[in-house]
Amino acid sequence: MAGRRLTKRQRGRIAQLQKERRRRLAEKADQALQDADAEDVREGRVIRRHGQHLIVQDDDARQHHCLFRQNLGEIVCGDKVLWQPVANDQGVVVALLPRNTVLSRPDYSGRDKPLAANITQLVVVLAPRPAPTGYLTDQYLIAAELIGVRALITLNKADLLATEEWKAFRQKFIRYEDIGYPVIGVSAKQENGLEPLLDHLEEETSILVGQSGVGKSSLINALIPRTEEAVGELSEASGLGRHTTSVATLHFLGNGAEIIDSPGVRSFRLGKIGIRELESGFREFAPYLGKCRFSNCRHCNEPGCALIEAVEEGHIHPERLKNFLHMADQLEKGH
């Protein structure tokens, strides 16, 4: 029943079932490793994952169902791995290769949980409805700054507003363009409505993020053709059923773009970072950091604060400083 709380006994039973399932999968991975050719080690890219089941694509664009041992750590969509083939286009992953970037968010216990690896661009999707919040937008932009990837603000559902309304909506995001973030308008329902997005996706490995209802799924469906063969691929290999269509998947577009469709970014929170890391996430703060009168300045109401002076002089938007202060307060409280 929806909303029903599990008893301690039920939670224990579920934990035991999960432990037993992990044990069986580990045994299958061990057996696969024994069956593999130890001298035939290949590099591949993880394009889909469900539990300990992976779809790995090789250099010839062939896809293989692979298992992996838990001691390799958290393997996610976009990872580069070493794997050894066994029979029937199957294999076992034996090593996780170093990542260039990794997008993570804290899980319910507060530990960072990787969502996608080796991305080069974070596409922040906003729409007139539901109304966007600058606070959440800033969280996404900070995440992009901290992991060292590009950020693109994409205003979706342009078809919902009349011309003048759309201009007024877009005007709200001028402050982001002023500090160097591209802002584009798109619509999956208008002819050529996706061209601005396709141009920015070219030769990038991107992931779309944004609150529920902004149209990420519509954009993904317009960009990526769905086929029954692709949908059933992992479920058939793993025996896990059709629900595996909701797992993160790496898609390849015709213009050299790669895009990760991940249900894991329907909501987002920053992980455990320090105040200095938070400061560095606001790119327009850079010229003023270290120039406050006091070295331990909190940028709240201290005299001689360089950030406050920059706001007063029009160099920093006041909402950006307001959001920074709220985030800093949340960090102190451990939220």
Foldseek 3Di string as FASTA:
>chain_A
DPPDDDDPVVVVVVVVVVVVVLVVLQVVLVVQVVQFDPVDKFKWFFFFDDDQWTWTAGPVRDTAIEGEHCVQDADEHGWMFIWTDGPDRYTYTDHTDDFLFWQWFADPVQDTDTHYTNFAEEEEFAEPPVPDDPLQVLQSLLSCLLRPHAYAYEYEDPVVDDPVVSVVVVVVCVQVVVLPHHYYYAYLPDVCRCVVVVVVQAQGEYEYAYAPPRCPVSVCCSQDPDDPCVQCVRCVVVVVDSVSSQAWGWDAGPRNGIYIYHPVRNDHDHGQDDLVSLQVSPVLCVVQQPQAPDPPDLLPDDPRRSVVVCCVVPSHPPVVSVSSSVVNVCNVVVD
